[in-house]
Protein backbone atom coordinates (compact mmCIF):
# COMPACT_ATOMS: atom_id res chain seq x y z
CA MET A 1 0.00 0.00 0.00
CA LYS A 2 1.32 3.42 -0.93
CA PRO A 3 1.56 5.69 2.13
CA LEU A 4 -0.11 9.09 2.29
CA GLU A 5 2.73 11.40 1.32
CA THR A 6 1.93 14.23 3.75
CA VAL A 7 1.47 11.88 6.71
CA ASP A 8 4.62 9.99 5.81
CA ARG A 9 6.59 13.23 5.60
CA ALA A 10 5.28 14.42 8.97
CA LEU A 11 6.38 11.14 10.55
CA GLN A 12 9.80 11.57 8.97
CA VAL A 13 10.05 14.97 10.66
CA LEU A 14 9.48 13.32 14.04
CA GLN A 15 12.07 10.65 13.30
CA VAL A 16 14.79 13.27 12.82
CA PHE A 17 14.72 13.96 16.58
CA ASP A 18 16.91 11.69 18.68
CA GLN A 19 19.18 11.68 21.73
CA ASP A 20 21.78 13.82 19.96
CA HIS A 21 19.28 16.14 18.25
CA ARG A 22 16.78 17.19 20.90
CA GLU A 23 16.14 20.64 19.41
CA LEU A 24 16.18 21.42 15.68
CA GLY A 25 15.53 24.49 13.60
CA VAL A 26 13.43 24.51 10.45
CA GLY A 27 16.57 24.74 8.31
CA GLU A 28 18.01 21.63 9.95
CA LEU A 29 14.76 19.72 9.43
CA ALA A 30 14.65 20.75 5.78
CA ALA A 31 18.28 19.70 5.23
CA SER A 32 17.81 16.35 6.98
CA LEU A 33 14.78 15.46 4.86
CA GLY A 34 15.90 17.09 1.63
CA ILE A 35 12.81 19.29 1.36
CA HIS A 36 12.18 23.00 0.90
CA HIS A 37 12.43 25.28 3.93
CA SER A 38 8.79 26.35 3.51
CA SER A 39 7.60 22.73 3.49
CA ALA A 40 9.57 21.93 6.64
CA SER A 41 8.17 25.06 8.30
CA ARG A 42 4.56 24.07 7.54
CA LEU A 43 5.06 20.50 8.70
CA ALA A 44 6.71 21.56 11.96
CA ALA A 45 4.04 24.20 12.64
CA THR A 46 1.25 21.66 12.07
CA LEU A 47 2.88 19.11 14.36
CA ALA A 48 3.28 21.82 17.00
CA LEU A 49 -0.38 22.79 16.64
CA ARG A 50 -1.33 19.22 17.57
CA GLY A 51 1.20 19.03 20.41
CA PHE A 52 3.61 16.57 18.77
CA LEU A 53 6.29 19.26 18.67
CA GLU A 54 6.74 22.45 20.65
CA ARG A 55 8.72 25.56 19.88
CA SER A 56 11.36 26.80 22.27
CA ALA A 57 10.60 30.34 23.39
CA ASP A 58 14.31 31.11 23.65
CA SER A 59 15.63 29.85 20.32
CA GLU A 60 12.53 29.27 18.16
CA ARG A 61 13.82 25.74 17.55
CA TYR A 62 11.51 22.74 17.78
CA ARG A 63 11.61 19.88 20.24
CA VAL A 64 9.40 16.89 21.11
CA GLY A 65 6.00 18.06 22.38
CA PRO A 66 3.70 16.91 25.19
CA GLU A 67 1.44 14.77 23.01
CA LEU A 68 4.35 12.71 21.74
CA ARG A 69 5.66 12.28 25.29
CA ARG A 70 2.22 11.16 26.43
CA LEU A 71 1.96 8.54 23.70
CA GLY A 72 5.48 7.36 24.43
CA LEU A 73 4.66 6.84 28.09
CA LEU A 74 1.59 4.79 27.17
CA GLY A 75 3.93 2.29 25.59
CA LEU A 76 5.95 2.08 28.80
CA THR A 77 3.01 2.15 31.20
CA SER A 78 1.42 -1.09 32.33
CA PRO A 79 -2.11 -1.43 30.91
CA ASP A 80 -3.07 -2.85 34.31
CA LEU A 81 -2.17 0.43 36.01
CA LEU A 82 -4.40 2.50 33.73
CA ASN A 83 -7.25 -0.02 33.75
CA GLU A 84 -7.24 -0.41 37.52
CA ALA A 85 -6.85 3.32 38.19
CA ARG A 86 -9.58 4.66 35.90
CA PRO A 87 -12.71 3.63 37.86
CA ILE A 88 -11.10 4.72 41.13
CA MET A 89 -10.20 8.10 39.63
CA ASP A 90 -13.76 8.60 38.37
CA ALA A 91 -15.18 7.72 41.79
CA LEU A 92 -12.80 10.17 43.46
CA VAL A 93 -13.95 12.97 41.13
CA GLU A 94 -17.54 12.23 42.13
CA ARG A 95 -16.56 12.53 45.77
CA VAL A 96 -14.39 15.68 45.69
CA GLY A 97 -15.51 17.42 42.49
CA GLU A 98 -11.98 18.42 41.45
CA THR A 99 -9.75 17.13 38.66
CA VAL A 100 -7.99 13.86 39.46
CA ALA A 101 -4.85 12.79 37.60
CA LEU A 102 -2.45 9.88 37.55
CA SER A 103 1.21 10.67 36.96
CA GLN A 104 4.54 8.92 36.66
CA VAL A 105 8.10 10.09 37.11
CA ASP A 106 10.04 10.94 33.95
CA GLY A 107 13.66 11.68 34.83
CA ASP A 108 13.67 14.81 36.98
CA ARG A 109 10.05 15.62 36.17
CA SER A 110 6.58 14.16 36.68
CA ILE A 111 4.20 13.68 33.77
CA ASP A 112 0.43 13.18 33.76
CA ILE A 113 -0.58 9.96 31.97
CA ALA A 114 -4.33 9.98 32.73
CA GLU A 115 -6.90 12.51 33.90
CA ALA A 116 -10.49 12.53 35.13
CA PRO A 117 -11.88 16.09 34.74
CA GLY A 118 -13.56 17.76 37.69
CA ARG A 119 -17.17 18.93 37.73
CA HIS A 120 -16.44 22.67 37.92
CA VAL A 121 -16.27 25.08 35.00
CA ILE A 122 -13.16 26.64 36.55
CA GLY A 123 -10.62 23.99 37.43
CA ALA A 124 -7.21 22.55 36.65
CA ARG A 125 -6.59 22.69 32.92
CA GLN A 126 -5.69 19.59 30.95
CA TRP A 127 -2.01 18.81 31.38
CA LEU A 128 -1.74 15.35 29.87
CA GLY A 129 1.76 14.74 28.63
CA ARG A 130 3.26 17.86 30.20
CA ARG A 131 6.25 17.60 32.52
CA PHE A 132 6.45 19.29 35.91
CA PRO A 133 9.26 19.88 38.44
CA LEU A 134 9.29 17.37 41.25
CA HIS A 135 10.03 19.78 44.09
CA ALA A 136 7.16 22.18 43.30
CA THR A 137 4.20 19.81 42.84
CA SER A 138 2.31 17.43 45.10
CA ASP A 139 2.88 14.36 42.91
CA GLY A 140 6.52 15.33 42.46
CA LYS A 141 6.99 15.39 46.22
CA VAL A 142 5.51 11.90 46.37
CA PHE A 143 8.07 10.63 43.87
CA LEU A 144 10.90 12.29 45.79
CA ALA A 145 9.67 10.98 49.13
CA PHE A 146 9.40 7.38 47.97
CA ALA A 147 12.38 7.33 45.60
CA VAL A 148 14.99 4.60 45.82
CA GLY A 149 18.12 6.30 47.13
CA ARG A 150 18.68 9.98 47.81
CA PRO A 151 17.03 12.22 45.19
CA ALA A 152 19.26 14.67 43.30
CA ALA A 153 16.82 17.44 44.24
CA LEU A 154 18.20 17.29 47.79
CA GLU A 155 21.73 18.04 46.60
CA THR A 156 21.31 21.35 44.79
CA GLU A 157 19.60 24.74 44.89
CA LEU A 158 16.11 24.39 43.45
CA GLU A 159 14.43 26.52 40.82
CA ARG A 160 11.87 29.05 42.04
CA TYR A 161 8.52 29.28 40.21
CA THR A 162 6.52 31.37 42.68
CA GLU A 163 7.20 33.03 46.03
CA TRP A 164 5.98 29.83 47.72
CA THR A 165 8.29 27.40 45.91
CA ILE A 166 10.60 25.45 48.20
CA THR A 167 14.14 26.16 46.98
CA ASP A 168 16.18 25.09 50.01
CA PRO A 169 17.04 21.34 49.87
CA SER A 170 17.05 21.08 53.67
CA VAL A 171 13.53 22.49 53.86
CA LEU A 172 12.43 20.11 51.10
CA ALA A 173 13.95 17.17 52.98
CA LYS A 174 11.82 17.97 56.03
CA ALA A 175 8.73 18.26 53.81
CA LEU A 176 9.46 14.83 52.34
CA ASP A 177 9.74 13.35 55.84
CA ARG A 178 6.24 14.67 56.45
CA VAL A 179 5.02 13.10 53.18
CA ARG A 180 6.34 9.69 54.23
CA GLU A 181 4.86 10.11 57.70
CA ARG A 182 1.28 10.81 56.59
CA GLY A 183 1.31 9.07 53.20
CA TRP A 184 0.36 12.05 51.04
CA ALA A 185 1.80 15.35 49.86
CA TYR A 186 0.48 18.89 49.50
CA ALA A 187 1.57 21.77 47.25
CA GLY A 188 -0.11 25.18 47.32
CA SER A 189 0.81 27.80 44.70
CA GLU A 190 4.34 26.36 44.55
CA PHE A 191 4.43 25.79 40.80
CA GLU A 192 1.64 28.07 39.61
CA GLU A 193 0.10 30.75 41.79
CA GLY A 194 -3.50 29.98 42.69
CA LEU A 195 -3.22 26.25 42.04
CA ALA A 196 -3.17 23.69 44.86
CA GLY A 197 -3.14 19.93 45.05
CA VAL A 198 -2.64 16.79 47.10
CA ALA A 199 -1.11 13.52 45.94
CA ALA A 200 -0.50 10.00 47.23
CA PRO A 201 1.73 7.14 46.06
CA VAL A 202 0.69 4.04 44.12
CA PHE A 203 2.88 0.96 44.64
CA ASP A 204 3.30 -2.16 42.52
CA ALA A 205 3.65 -5.76 43.70
CA ALA A 206 7.37 -5.21 44.32
CA GLY A 207 6.66 -2.27 46.61
CA ARG A 208 7.96 0.35 44.17
CA CYS A 209 6.23 3.71 43.79
CA VAL A 210 5.12 3.44 40.16
CA ALA A 211 2.65 6.34 40.05
CA ALA A 212 1.05 9.13 42.03
CA LEU A 213 -2.63 9.94 42.25
CA ASN A 214 -3.36 13.63 42.65
CA ILE A 215 -6.27 15.99 43.17
CA THR A 216 -5.79 19.51 41.81
CA GLY A 217 -7.86 22.66 41.76
CA PRO A 218 -7.85 26.40 42.44
CA ASP A 219 -6.65 27.14 45.95
CA TYR A 220 -9.73 29.22 46.82
CA ARG A 221 -11.80 26.04 46.51
CA MET A 222 -9.38 23.87 48.43
CA PRO A 223 -9.96 23.45 52.17
CA LYS A 224 -7.74 25.49 54.48
CA ASP A 225 -6.76 22.24 56.16
CA PRO A 226 -5.97 19.76 53.34
CA ASP A 227 -5.89 16.77 55.70
CA GLU A 228 -9.32 15.42 54.71
CA LEU A 229 -8.58 15.78 50.99
CA GLY A 230 -5.14 14.23 51.41
CA THR A 231 -6.58 11.30 53.34
CA ALA A 232 -9.20 10.72 50.63
CA CYS A 233 -6.50 10.80 47.97
CA ARG A 234 -4.36 8.34 49.90
CA ALA A 235 -7.30 5.96 50.38
CA ALA A 236 -7.99 6.00 46.63
CA ALA A 237 -4.30 5.48 45.82
CA ASP A 238 -4.20 2.58 48.28
CA ARG A 239 -7.09 0.94 46.42
CA ILE A 240 -5.13 1.13 43.16
CA THR A 241 -2.10 -0.32 44.96
CA THR A 242 -4.20 -3.23 46.21
CA ARG A 243 -5.49 -3.94 42.70
CA LEU A 244 -1.90 -4.03 41.45
CA GLY A 245 -0.98 -6.53 44.16
CA GLY A 246 1.03 -3.98 46.11
CA PRO A 247 1.56 -3.79 49.87
């Protein structure tokens, strides 16, 4: 069967990116594929429109986008995790009304792999496939708290995103002790001002933290004391853990 030329060319654009070529300009794409600069520009812009590529604000070069990362993670994620988590996520939305997401760690970032939208018109926007700093998000703190070995985030000065971001590794270490103690994490306006969330770990049969379940919404709708919400999140995450054969 003869492939659709435009689709085939777009896929070739994606294949140019690799470990040694993480960011590429339109000229480089055109040269690699042997096509006109204008054709490469249109292909890259279309792929960016759909989230398969994204344009660097600093250099105007293209890199792999959130949609491609999301699809890539689906290939690495156990179908059992998604299948077992989905009904529990939906039930949690019915209980709390806010957006519920399932995330996994991706290097030094967390990435949402599944979402159950909340019932409110104003809520957490869709972030499937996007990567977030571990030290400034509730699910990220879960991954740091239950990581195997000492996380790199505890060895260096941390990037500030808002005035509430924890940037001191010693302060973060104490926060992670608290996460392990109560079994859930909280982040309020630490990555984006006005956004708050709680998260709890999901473990597999080997006792490894393979995902985090989180509840996110505007901080004005979040309770002043997040304990009840955190406990609900942990209970839901524990149910997923049980279904995966975890401890």
